[in-house]
Amino acid sequence: MDVTRIGNTPLIAPAETPAAKGSENKSQSFGEVLKDSLKQVNSLQQEADASIQSLATGGEASLHDTMLAIQKAELSFKLMMQVRNKIVEAYQEVIRMQV
């Protein structure tokens, strides 16, 4: 692990992400990463739907929590769509390449 010194601050080690730890033991294919991302987006959508249902029926969900769940679901969906658009653009670019 690389450790760097910045100015007069103490030594700072880079944080290890779960993805970095997983890549040491098992590398995931692009398709698996994409499937996992889609599952996470779907999960956020379902959580938002459940929160809306709970709010509408007088359950324990608050308006604040419901709005947060909706915004998280919307933001993750928009990000997923942008990733999809980039994948489609890359695919079209590869198709246009001359061999």
PDB file of N, CA and C in Angstrom:
ATOM      1  N   MET A   1       0.858  -1.177   0.000  1.00  0.00           N
ATOM      2  CA  MET A   1       0.000   0.000   0.000  1.00  0.00           C
ATOM      3  C   MET A   1       0.894   1.227   0.000  1.00  0.00           C
ATOM      4  N   ASP A   2       0.620   2.135  -0.926  1.00  0.00           N
ATOM      5  CA  ASP A   2       1.379   3.377  -0.994  1.00  0.00           C
ATOM      6  C   ASP A   2       0.885   4.342   0.070  1.00  0.00           C
ATOM      7  N   VAL A   3       1.833   4.986   0.735  1.00  0.00           N
ATOM      8  CA  VAL A   3       1.491   5.974   1.752  1.00  0.00           C
ATOM      9  C   VAL A   3       2.157   7.274   1.337  1.00  0.00           C
ATOM     10  N   THR A   4       1.410   8.349   1.339  1.00  0.00           N
ATOM     11  CA  THR A   4       1.946   9.633   0.900  1.00  0.00           C
ATOM     12  C   THR A   4       1.886  10.646   2.023  1.00  0.00           C
ATOM     13  N   ARG A   5       2.789  11.628   1.956  1.00  0.00           N
ATOM     14  CA  ARG A   5       2.799  12.723   2.919  1.00  0.00           C
ATOM     15  C   ARG A   5       2.410  13.977   2.147  1.00  0.00           C
ATOM     16  N   ILE A   6       1.443  14.710   2.672  1.00  0.00           N
ATOM     17  CA  ILE A   6       0.978  15.932   2.033  1.00  0.00           C
ATOM     18  C   ILE A   6       1.272  17.086   2.979  1.00  0.00           C
ATOM     19  N   GLY A   7       2.197  17.963   2.579  1.00  0.00           N
ATOM     20  CA  GLY A   7       2.544  19.111   3.414  1.00  0.00           C
ATOM     21  C   GLY A   7       2.999  18.667   4.784  1.00  0.00           C
ATOM     22  N   ASN A   8       2.450  19.275   5.810  1.00  0.00           N
ATOM     23  CA  ASN A   8       2.796  18.938   7.185  1.00  0.00           C
ATOM     24  C   ASN A   8       1.796  17.978   7.818  1.00  0.00           C
ATOM     25  N   THR A   9       0.899  17.450   7.005  1.00  0.00           N
ATOM     26  CA  THR A   9      -0.097  16.540   7.555  1.00  0.00           C
ATOM     27  C   THR A   9       0.528  15.186   7.812  1.00  0.00           C
ATOM     28  N   PRO A  10      -0.051  14.419   8.699  1.00  0.00           N
ATOM     29  CA  PRO A  10       0.485  13.083   8.955  1.00  0.00           C
ATOM     30  C   PRO A  10       0.313  12.185   7.731  1.00  0.00           C
ATOM     31  N   LEU A  11       0.919  11.038   7.777  1.00  0.00           N
ATOM     32  CA  LEU A  11       0.832  10.110   6.663  1.00  0.00           C
ATOM     33  C   LEU A  11      -0.614   9.717   6.412  1.00  0.00           C
ATOM     34  N   ILE A  12      -0.980   9.733   5.157  1.00  0.00           N
ATOM     35  CA  ILE A  12      -2.343   9.403   4.766  1.00  0.00           C
ATOM     36  C   ILE A  12      -2.278   8.205   3.835  1.00  0.00           C
ATOM     37  N   ALA A  13      -2.965   7.152   4.176  1.00  0.00           N
ATOM     38  CA  ALA A  13      -3.028   5.976   3.312  1.00  0.00           C
ATOM     39  C   ALA A  13      -4.316   6.036   2.513  1.00  0.00           C
ATOM     40  N   PRO A  14      -4.265   5.677   1.230  1.00  0.00           N
ATOM     41  CA  PRO A  14      -5.488   5.692   0.437  1.00  0.00           C
ATOM     42  C   PRO A  14      -6.496   4.687   0.982  1.00  0.00           C
ATOM     43  N   ALA A  15      -7.752   5.087   0.933  1.00  0.00           N
ATOM     44  CA  ALA A  15      -8.811   4.213   1.433  1.00  0.00           C
ATOM     45  C   ALA A  15      -8.992   3.046   0.483  1.00  0.00           C
ATOM     46  N   GLU A  16      -9.219   1.881   1.048  1.00  0.00           N
ATOM     47  CA  GLU A  16      -9.476   0.711   0.224  1.00  0.00           C
ATOM     48  C   GLU A  16     -10.974   0.589   0.031  1.00  0.00           C
ATOM     49  N   THR A  17     -11.391   0.562  -1.207  1.00  0.00           N
ATOM     50  CA  THR A  17     -12.802   0.423  -1.525  1.00  0.00           C
ATOM     51  C   THR A  17     -13.156  -1.054  -1.580  1.00  0.00           C
ATOM     52  N   PRO A  18     -14.420  -1.382  -1.393  1.00  0.00           N
ATOM     53  CA  PRO A  18     -14.821  -2.792  -1.512  1.00  0.00           C
ATOM     54  C   PRO A  18     -14.522  -3.341  -2.897  1.00  0.00           C
ATOM     55  N   ALA A  19     -14.620  -2.509  -3.929  1.00  0.00           N
ATOM     56  CA  ALA A  19     -14.330  -2.967  -5.281  1.00  0.00           C
ATOM     57  C   ALA A  19     -12.859  -3.329  -5.414  1.00  0.00           C
ATOM     58  N   ALA A  20     -11.981  -2.551  -4.769  1.00  0.00           N
ATOM     59  CA  ALA A  20     -10.552  -2.838  -4.835  1.00  0.00           C
ATOM     60  C   ALA A  20     -10.239  -4.136  -4.102  1.00  0.00           C
ATOM     61  N   LYS A  21     -10.891  -4.373  -2.976  1.00  0.00           N
ATOM     62  CA  LYS A  21     -10.668  -5.613  -2.248  1.00  0.00           C
ATOM     63  C   LYS A  21     -11.168  -6.801  -3.052  1.00  0.00           C
ATOM     64  N   GLY A  22     -12.312  -6.635  -3.707  1.00  0.00           N
ATOM     65  CA  GLY A  22     -12.874  -7.715  -4.511  1.00  0.00           C
ATOM     66  C   GLY A  22     -12.035  -8.026  -5.723  1.00  0.00           C
ATOM     67  N   SER A  23     -11.345  -7.023  -6.271  1.00  0.00           N
ATOM     68  CA  SER A  23     -10.554  -7.253  -7.469  1.00  0.00           C
ATOM     69  C   SER A  23      -9.304  -8.066  -7.156  1.00  0.00           C
ATOM     70  N   GLU A  24      -8.862  -8.057  -5.888  1.00  0.00           N
ATOM     71  CA  GLU A  24      -7.712  -8.854  -5.523  1.00  0.00           C
ATOM     72  C   GLU A  24      -8.068 -10.335  -5.533  1.00  0.00           C
ATOM     73  N   ASN A  25      -9.248 -10.663  -5.073  1.00  0.00           N
ATOM     74  CA  ASN A  25      -9.658 -12.057  -4.965  1.00  0.00           C
ATOM     75  C   ASN A  25     -10.362 -12.544  -6.228  1.00  0.00           C
ATOM     76  N   LYS A  26     -11.266 -11.770  -6.737  1.00  0.00           N
ATOM     77  CA  LYS A  26     -12.082 -12.200  -7.868  1.00  0.00           C
ATOM     78  C   LYS A  26     -12.402 -10.983  -8.720  1.00  0.00           C
ATOM     79  N   SER A  27     -12.102 -11.063  -9.988  1.00  0.00           N
ATOM     80  CA  SER A  27     -12.435  -9.944 -10.864  1.00  0.00           C
ATOM     81  C   SER A  27     -13.783 -10.213 -11.506  1.00  0.00           C
ATOM     82  N   GLN A  28     -14.607  -9.174 -11.554  1.00  0.00           N
ATOM     83  CA  GLN A  28     -15.925  -9.297 -12.151  1.00  0.00           C
ATOM     84  C   GLN A  28     -15.857  -8.860 -13.606  1.00  0.00           C
ATOM     85  N   SER A  29     -16.658  -9.489 -14.425  1.00  0.00           N
ATOM     86  CA  SER A  29     -16.725  -9.080 -15.815  1.00  0.00           C
ATOM     87  C   SER A  29     -17.572  -7.813 -15.915  1.00  0.00           C
ATOM     88  N   PHE A  30     -17.463  -7.144 -17.044  1.00  0.00           N
ATOM     89  CA  PHE A  30     -18.228  -5.924 -17.257  1.00  0.00           C
ATOM     90  C   PHE A  30     -19.722  -6.207 -17.160  1.00  0.00           C
ATOM     91  N   GLY A  31     -20.141  -7.333 -17.712  1.00  0.00           N
ATOM     92  CA  GLY A  31     -21.556  -7.700 -17.672  1.00  0.00           C
ATOM     93  C   GLY A  31     -22.061  -7.888 -16.254  1.00  0.00           C
ATOM     94  N   GLU A  32     -21.240  -8.504 -15.397  1.00  0.00           N
ATOM     95  CA  GLU A  32     -21.642  -8.714 -14.005  1.00  0.00           C
ATOM     96  C   GLU A  32     -21.757  -7.392 -13.257  1.00  0.00           C
ATOM     97  N   VAL A  33     -20.809  -6.494 -13.512  1.00  0.00           N
ATOM     98  CA  VAL A  33     -20.855  -5.175 -12.873  1.00  0.00           C
ATOM     99  C   VAL A  33     -22.113  -4.432 -13.320  1.00  0.00           C
ATOM    100  N   LEU A  34     -22.431  -4.523 -14.603  1.00  0.00           N
ATOM    101  CA  LEU A  34     -23.618  -3.858 -15.137  1.00  0.00           C
ATOM    102  C   LEU A  34     -24.890  -4.443 -14.531  1.00  0.00           C
ATOM    103  N   LYS A  35     -24.947  -5.764 -14.419  1.00  0.00           N
ATOM    104  CA  LYS A  35     -26.119  -6.411 -13.808  1.00  0.00           C
ATOM    105  C   LYS A  35     -26.288  -5.985 -12.355  1.00  0.00           C
ATOM    106  N   ASP A  36     -25.177  -5.948 -11.611  1.00  0.00           N
ATOM    107  CA  ASP A  36     -25.248  -5.520 -10.214  1.00  0.00           C
ATOM    108  C   ASP A  36     -25.744  -4.085 -10.102  1.00  0.00           C
ATOM    109  N   SER A  37     -25.284  -3.230 -10.996  1.00  0.00           N
ATOM    110  CA  SER A  37     -25.722  -1.830 -10.985  1.00  0.00           C
ATOM    111  C   SER A  37     -27.209  -1.729 -11.275  1.00  0.00           C
ATOM    112  N   LEU A  38     -27.678  -2.499 -12.241  1.00  0.00           N
ATOM    113  CA  LEU A  38     -29.109  -2.483 -12.559  1.00  0.00           C
ATOM    114  C   LEU A  38     -29.940  -2.988 -11.382  1.00  0.00           C
ATOM    115  N   LYS A  39     -29.438  -3.993 -10.681  1.00  0.00           N
ATOM    116  CA  LYS A  39     -30.148  -4.507  -9.505  1.00  0.00           C
ATOM    117  C   LYS A  39     -30.233  -3.438  -8.419  1.00  0.00           C
ATOM    118  N   GLN A  40     -29.148  -2.675  -8.238  1.00  0.00           N
ATOM    119  CA  GLN A  40     -29.151  -1.616  -7.233  1.00  0.00           C
ATOM    120  C   GLN A  40     -30.139  -0.517  -7.596  1.00  0.00           C
ATOM    121  N   VAL A  41     -30.190  -0.146  -8.873  1.00  0.00           N
ATOM    122  CA  VAL A  41     -31.139   0.876  -9.323  1.00  0.00           C
ATOM    123  C   VAL A  41     -32.561   0.374  -9.114  1.00  0.00           C
ATOM    124  N   ASN A  42     -32.808  -0.876  -9.460  1.00  0.00           N
ATOM    125  CA  ASN A  42     -34.132  -1.454  -9.270  1.00  0.00           C
ATOM    126  C   ASN A  42     -34.509  -1.483  -7.796  1.00  0.00           C
ATOM    127  N   SER A  43     -33.553  -1.808  -6.949  1.00  0.00           N
ATOM    128  CA  SER A  43     -33.805  -1.835  -5.507  1.00  0.00           C
ATOM    129  C   SER A  43     -34.189  -0.451  -4.991  1.00  0.00           C
ATOM    130  N   LEU A  44     -33.475   0.581  -5.459  1.00  0.00           N
ATOM    131  CA  LEU A  44     -33.813   1.945  -5.038  1.00  0.00           C
ATOM    132  C   LEU A  44     -35.205   2.344  -5.529  1.00  0.00           C
ATOM    133  N   GLN A  45     -35.564   1.919  -6.733  1.00  0.00           N
ATOM    134  CA  GLN A  45     -36.905   2.206  -7.258  1.00  0.00           C
ATOM    135  C   GLN A  45     -37.974   1.527  -6.393  1.00  0.00           C
ATOM    136  N   GLN A  46     -37.720   0.284  -6.018  1.00  0.00           N
ATOM    137  CA  GLN A  46     -38.685  -0.442  -5.186  1.00  0.00           C
ATOM    138  C   GLN A  46     -38.801   0.172  -3.801  1.00  0.00           C
ATOM    139  N   GLU A  47     -37.681   0.627  -3.238  1.00  0.00           N
ATOM    140  CA  GLU A  47     -37.720   1.289  -1.932  1.00  0.00           C
ATOM    141  C   GLU A  47     -38.542   2.578  -2.011  1.00  0.00           C
ATOM    142  N   ALA A  48     -38.359   3.326  -3.096  1.00  0.00           N
ATOM    143  CA  ALA A  48     -39.128   4.564  -3.266  1.00  0.00           C
ATOM    144  C   ALA A  48     -40.619   4.255  -3.395  1.00  0.00           C
ATOM    145  N   ASP A  49     -40.942   3.218  -4.158  1.00  0.00           N
ATOM    146  CA  ASP A  49     -42.347   2.831  -4.307  1.00  0.00           C
ATOM    147  C   ASP A  49     -42.955   2.408  -2.974  1.00  0.00           C
ATOM    148  N   ALA A  50     -42.196   1.643  -2.200  1.00  0.00           N
ATOM    149  CA  ALA A  50     -42.689   1.192  -0.894  1.00  0.00           C
ATOM    150  C   ALA A  50     -42.876   2.384   0.042  1.00  0.00           C
ATOM    151  N   SER A  51     -41.968   3.340  -0.022  1.00  0.00           N
ATOM    152  CA  SER A  51     -42.071   4.528   0.823  1.00  0.00           C
ATOM    153  C   SER A  51     -43.288   5.367   0.430  1.00  0.00           C
ATOM    154  N   ILE A  52     -43.528   5.491  -0.860  1.00  0.00           N
ATOM    155  CA  ILE A  52     -44.712   6.224  -1.334  1.00  0.00           C
ATOM    156  C   ILE A  52     -45.983   5.531  -0.854  1.00  0.00           C
ATOM    157  N   GLN A  53     -46.014   4.215  -0.988  1.00  0.00           N
ATOM    158  CA  GLN A  53     -47.182   3.443  -0.551  1.00  0.00           C
ATOM    159  C   GLN A  53     -47.408   3.608   0.946  1.00  0.00           C
ATOM    160  N   SER A  54     -46.336   3.567   1.718  1.00  0.00           N
ATOM    161  CA  SER A  54     -46.442   3.710   3.165  1.00  0.00           C
ATOM    162  C   SER A  54     -46.939   5.103   3.543  1.00  0.00           C
ATOM    163  N   LEU A  55     -46.442   6.114   2.848  1.00  0.00           N
ATOM    164  CA  LEU A  55     -46.885   7.487   3.122  1.00  0.00           C
ATOM    165  C   LEU A  55     -48.359   7.664   2.763  1.00  0.00           C
ATOM    166  N   ALA A  56     -48.761   7.101   1.624  1.00  0.00           N
ATOM    167  CA  ALA A  56     -50.143   7.265   1.164  1.00  0.00           C
ATOM    168  C   ALA A  56     -51.148   6.544   2.055  1.00  0.00           C
ATOM    169  N   THR A  57     -50.725   5.443   2.653  1.00  0.00           N
ATOM    170  CA  THR A  57     -51.651   4.675   3.487  1.00  0.00           C
ATOM    171  C   THR A  57     -51.556   5.035   4.967  1.00  0.00           C
ATOM    172  N   GLY A  58     -50.741   6.049   5.287  1.00  0.00           N
ATOM    173  CA  GLY A  58     -50.635   6.474   6.676  1.00  0.00           C
ATOM    174  C   GLY A  58     -49.683   5.622   7.481  1.00  0.00           C
ATOM    175  N   GLY A  59     -48.761   4.979   6.813  1.00  0.00           N
ATOM    176  CA  GLY A  59     -47.772   4.134   7.490  1.00  0.00           C
ATOM    177  C   GLY A  59     -46.757   4.979   8.235  1.00  0.00           C
ATOM    178  N   GLU A  60     -45.630   4.378   8.553  1.00  0.00           N
ATOM    179  CA  GLU A  60     -44.627   5.056   9.366  1.00  0.00           C
ATOM    180  C   GLU A  60     -43.666   5.912   8.557  1.00  0.00           C
ATOM    181  N   ALA A  61     -43.780   5.943   7.239  1.00  0.00           N
ATOM    182  CA  ALA A  61     -42.881   6.755   6.413  1.00  0.00           C
ATOM    183  C   ALA A  61     -43.257   8.234   6.536  1.00  0.00           C
ATOM    184  N   SER A  62     -42.215   9.065   6.652  1.00  0.00           N
ATOM    185  CA  SER A  62     -42.455  10.510   6.708  1.00  0.00           C
ATOM    186  C   SER A  62     -42.310  11.088   5.303  1.00  0.00           C
ATOM    187  N   LEU A  63     -42.803  12.287   5.133  1.00  0.00           N
ATOM    188  CA  LEU A  63     -42.701  12.953   3.836  1.00  0.00           C
ATOM    189  C   LEU A  63     -41.237  13.177   3.464  1.00  0.00           C
ATOM    190  N   HIS A  64     -40.439  13.550   4.445  1.00  0.00           N
ATOM    191  CA  HIS A  64     -39.015  13.799   4.221  1.00  0.00           C
ATOM    192  C   HIS A  64     -38.312  12.534   3.722  1.00  0.00           C
ATOM    193  N   ASP A  65     -38.529  11.417   4.411  1.00  0.00           N
ATOM    194  CA  ASP A  65     -37.900  10.151   4.020  1.00  0.00           C
ATOM    195  C   ASP A  65     -38.377   9.697   2.637  1.00  0.00           C
ATOM    196  N   THR A  66     -39.644   9.907   2.373  1.00  0.00           N
ATOM    197  CA  THR A  66     -40.196   9.527   1.073  1.00  0.00           C
ATOM    198  C   THR A  66     -39.573  10.345  -0.045  1.00  0.00           C
ATOM    199  N   MET A  67     -39.441  11.639   0.154  1.00  0.00           N
ATOM    200  CA  MET A  67     -38.838  12.493  -0.861  1.00  0.00           C
ATOM    201  C   MET A  67     -37.370  12.125  -1.085  1.00  0.00           C
ATOM    202  N   LEU A  68     -36.656  11.794  -0.020  1.00  0.00           N
ATOM    203  CA  LEU A  68     -35.266  11.361  -0.159  1.00  0.00           C
ATOM    204  C   LEU A  68     -35.173  10.071  -0.976  1.00  0.00           C
ATOM    205  N   ALA A  69     -36.052   9.123  -0.692  1.00  0.00           N
ATOM    206  CA  ALA A  69     -36.046   7.856  -1.426  1.00  0.00           C
ATOM    207  C   ALA A  69     -36.353   8.077  -2.903  1.00  0.00           C
ATOM    208  N   ILE A  70     -37.300   8.964  -3.180  1.00  0.00           N
ATOM    209  CA  ILE A  70     -37.655   9.267  -4.570  1.00  0.00           C
ATOM    210  C   ILE A  70     -36.485   9.924  -5.286  1.00  0.00           C
ATOM    211  N   GLN A  71     -35.828  10.874  -4.638  1.00  0.00           N
ATOM    212  CA  GLN A  71     -34.702  11.564  -5.264  1.00  0.00           C
ATOM    213  C   GLN A  71     -33.530  10.623  -5.503  1.00  0.00           C
ATOM    214  N   LYS A  72     -33.251   9.729  -4.556  1.00  0.00           N
ATOM    215  CA  LYS A  72     -32.173   8.760  -4.747  1.00  0.00           C
ATOM    216  C   LYS A  72     -32.484   7.845  -5.924  1.00  0.00           C
ATOM    217  N   ALA A  73     -33.725   7.397  -6.018  1.00  0.00           N
ATOM    218  CA  ALA A  73     -34.123   6.522  -7.116  1.00  0.00           C
ATOM    219  C   ALA A  73     -34.026   7.256  -8.451  1.00  0.00           C
ATOM    220  N   GLU A  74     -34.477   8.511  -8.474  1.00  0.00           N
ATOM    221  CA  GLU A  74     -34.431   9.291  -9.712  1.00  0.00           C
ATOM    222  C   GLU A  74     -32.996   9.550 -10.153  1.00  0.00           C
ATOM    223  N   LEU A  75     -32.144   9.917  -9.219  1.00  0.00           N
ATOM    224  CA  LEU A  75     -30.752  10.205  -9.544  1.00  0.00           C
ATOM    225  C   LEU A  75     -30.029   8.951 -10.034  1.00  0.00           C
ATOM    226  N   SER A  76     -30.265   7.830  -9.377  1.00  0.00           N
ATOM    227  CA  SER A  76     -29.614   6.592  -9.810  1.00  0.00           C
ATOM    228  C   SER A  76     -30.117   6.167 -11.188  1.00  0.00           C
ATOM    229  N   PHE A  77     -31.396   6.387 -11.468  1.00  0.00           N
ATOM    230  CA  PHE A  77     -31.941   6.049 -12.783  1.00  0.00           C
ATOM    231  C   PHE A  77     -31.331   6.929 -13.866  1.00  0.00           C
ATOM    232  N   LYS A  78     -31.204   8.223 -13.582  1.00  0.00           N
ATOM    233  CA  LYS A  78     -30.592   9.126 -14.562  1.00  0.00           C
ATOM    234  C   LYS A  78     -29.139   8.748 -14.836  1.00  0.00           C
ATOM    235  N   LEU A  79     -28.412   8.384 -13.778  1.00  0.00           N
ATOM    236  CA  LEU A  79     -27.027   7.951 -13.956  1.00  0.00           C
ATOM    237  C   LEU A  79     -26.971   6.685 -14.797  1.00  0.00           C
ATOM    238  N   MET A  80     -27.860   5.743 -14.513  1.00  0.00           N
ATOM    239  CA  MET A  80     -27.901   4.507 -15.289  1.00  0.00           C
ATOM    240  C   MET A  80     -28.171   4.797 -16.759  1.00  0.00           C
ATOM    241  N   MET A  81     -29.060   5.735 -17.039  1.00  0.00           N
ATOM    242  CA  MET A  81     -29.371   6.078 -18.431  1.00  0.00           C
ATOM    243  C   MET A  81     -28.167   6.714 -19.118  1.00  0.00           C
ATOM    244  N   GLN A  82     -27.415   7.523 -18.412  1.00  0.00           N
ATOM    245  CA  GLN A  82     -26.218   8.130 -18.998  1.00  0.00           C
ATOM    246  C   GLN A  82     -25.163   7.065 -19.294  1.00  0.00           C
ATOM    247  N   VAL A  83     -25.015   6.109 -18.395  1.00  0.00           N
ATOM    248  CA  VAL A  83     -24.074   5.012 -18.635  1.00  0.00           C
ATOM    249  C   VAL A  83     -24.528   4.207 -19.846  1.00  0.00           C
ATOM    250  N   ARG A  84     -25.823   3.934 -19.934  1.00  0.00           N
ATOM    251  CA  ARG A  84     -26.357   3.209 -21.086  1.00  0.00           C
ATOM    252  C   ARG A  84     -26.076   3.951 -22.378  1.00  0.00           C
ATOM    253  N   ASN A  85     -26.280   5.268 -22.368  1.00  0.00           N
ATOM    254  CA  ASN A  85     -26.025   6.065 -23.564  1.00  0.00           C
ATOM    255  C   ASN A  85     -24.565   5.996 -23.978  1.00  0.00           C
ATOM    256  N   LYS A  86     -23.657   6.037 -23.010  1.00  0.00           N
ATOM    257  CA  LYS A  86     -22.226   5.948 -23.313  1.00  0.00           C
ATOM    258  C   LYS A  86     -21.873   4.573 -23.869  1.00  0.00           C
ATOM    259  N   ILE A  87     -22.489   3.528 -23.335  1.00  0.00           N
ATOM    260  CA  ILE A  87     -22.236   2.179 -23.838  1.00  0.00           C
ATOM    261  C   ILE A  87     -22.718   2.055 -25.275  1.00  0.00           C
ATOM    262  N   VAL A  88     -23.899   2.586 -25.558  1.00  0.00           N
ATOM    263  CA  VAL A  88     -24.431   2.540 -26.918  1.00  0.00           C
ATOM    264  C   VAL A  88     -23.535   3.328 -27.868  1.00  0.00           C
ATOM    265  N   GLU A  89     -23.076   4.503 -27.449  1.00  0.00           N
ATOM    266  CA  GLU A  89     -22.166   5.295 -28.285  1.00  0.00           C
ATOM    267  C   GLU A  89     -20.873   4.535 -28.564  1.00  0.00           C
ATOM    268  N   ALA A  90     -20.325   3.888 -27.539  1.00  0.00           N
ATOM    269  CA  ALA A  90     -19.091   3.122 -27.721  1.00  0.00           C
ATOM    270  C   ALA A  90     -19.322   1.951 -28.664  1.00  0.00           C
ATOM    271  N   TYR A  91     -20.442   1.278 -28.527  1.00  0.00           N
ATOM    272  CA  TYR A  91     -20.775   0.168 -29.406  1.00  0.00           C
ATOM    273  C   TYR A  91     -20.892   0.644 -30.851  1.00  0.00           C
ATOM    274  N   GLN A  92     -21.573   1.764 -31.059  1.00  0.00           N
ATOM    275  CA  GLN A  92     -21.726   2.299 -32.412  1.00  0.00           C
ATOM    276  C   GLN A  92     -20.377   2.702 -33.009  1.00  0.00           C
ATOM    277  N   GLU A  93     -19.512   3.217 -32.166  1.00  0.00           N
ATOM    278  CA  GLU A  93     -18.170   3.598 -32.625  1.00  0.00           C
ATOM    279  C   GLU A  93     -17.369   2.366 -33.047  1.00  0.00           C
ATOM    280  N   VAL A  94     -17.488   1.295 -32.301  1.00  0.00           N
ATOM    281  CA  VAL A  94     -16.782   0.059 -32.650  1.00  0.00           C
ATOM    282  C   VAL A  94     -17.337  -0.500 -33.959  1.00  0.00           C
ATOM    283  N   ILE A  95     -18.633  -0.430 -34.134  1.00  0.00           N
ATOM    284  CA  ILE A  95     -19.262  -0.923 -35.359  1.00  0.00           C
ATOM    285  C   ILE A  95     -18.773  -0.115 -36.565  1.00  0.00           C
ATOM    286  N   ARG A  96     -18.557   1.175 -36.404  1.00  0.00           N
ATOM    287  CA  ARG A  96     -18.114   2.021 -37.507  1.00  0.00           C
ATOM    288  C   ARG A  96     -16.642   1.835 -37.850  1.00  0.00           C
ATOM    289  N   MET A  97     -15.875   1.216 -36.959  1.00  0.00           N
ATOM    290  CA  MET A  97     -14.445   1.013 -37.219  1.00  0.00           C
ATOM    291  C   MET A  97     -14.235   0.115 -38.417  1.00  0.00           C
ATOM    292  N   GLN A  98     -13.250   0.462 -39.201  1.00  0.00           N
ATOM    293  CA  GLN A  98     -12.909  -0.381 -40.341  1.00  0.00           C
ATOM    294  C   GLN A  98     -11.791  -1.325 -39.935  1.00  0.00           C
ATOM    295  N   VAL A  99     -11.941  -2.551 -40.321  1.00  0.00           N
ATOM    296  CA  VAL A  99     -10.948  -3.562 -39.949  1.00  0.00           C
ATOM    297  C   VAL A  99      -9.932  -3.742 -41.045  1.00  0.00           C
TER     298      VAL A  99
END
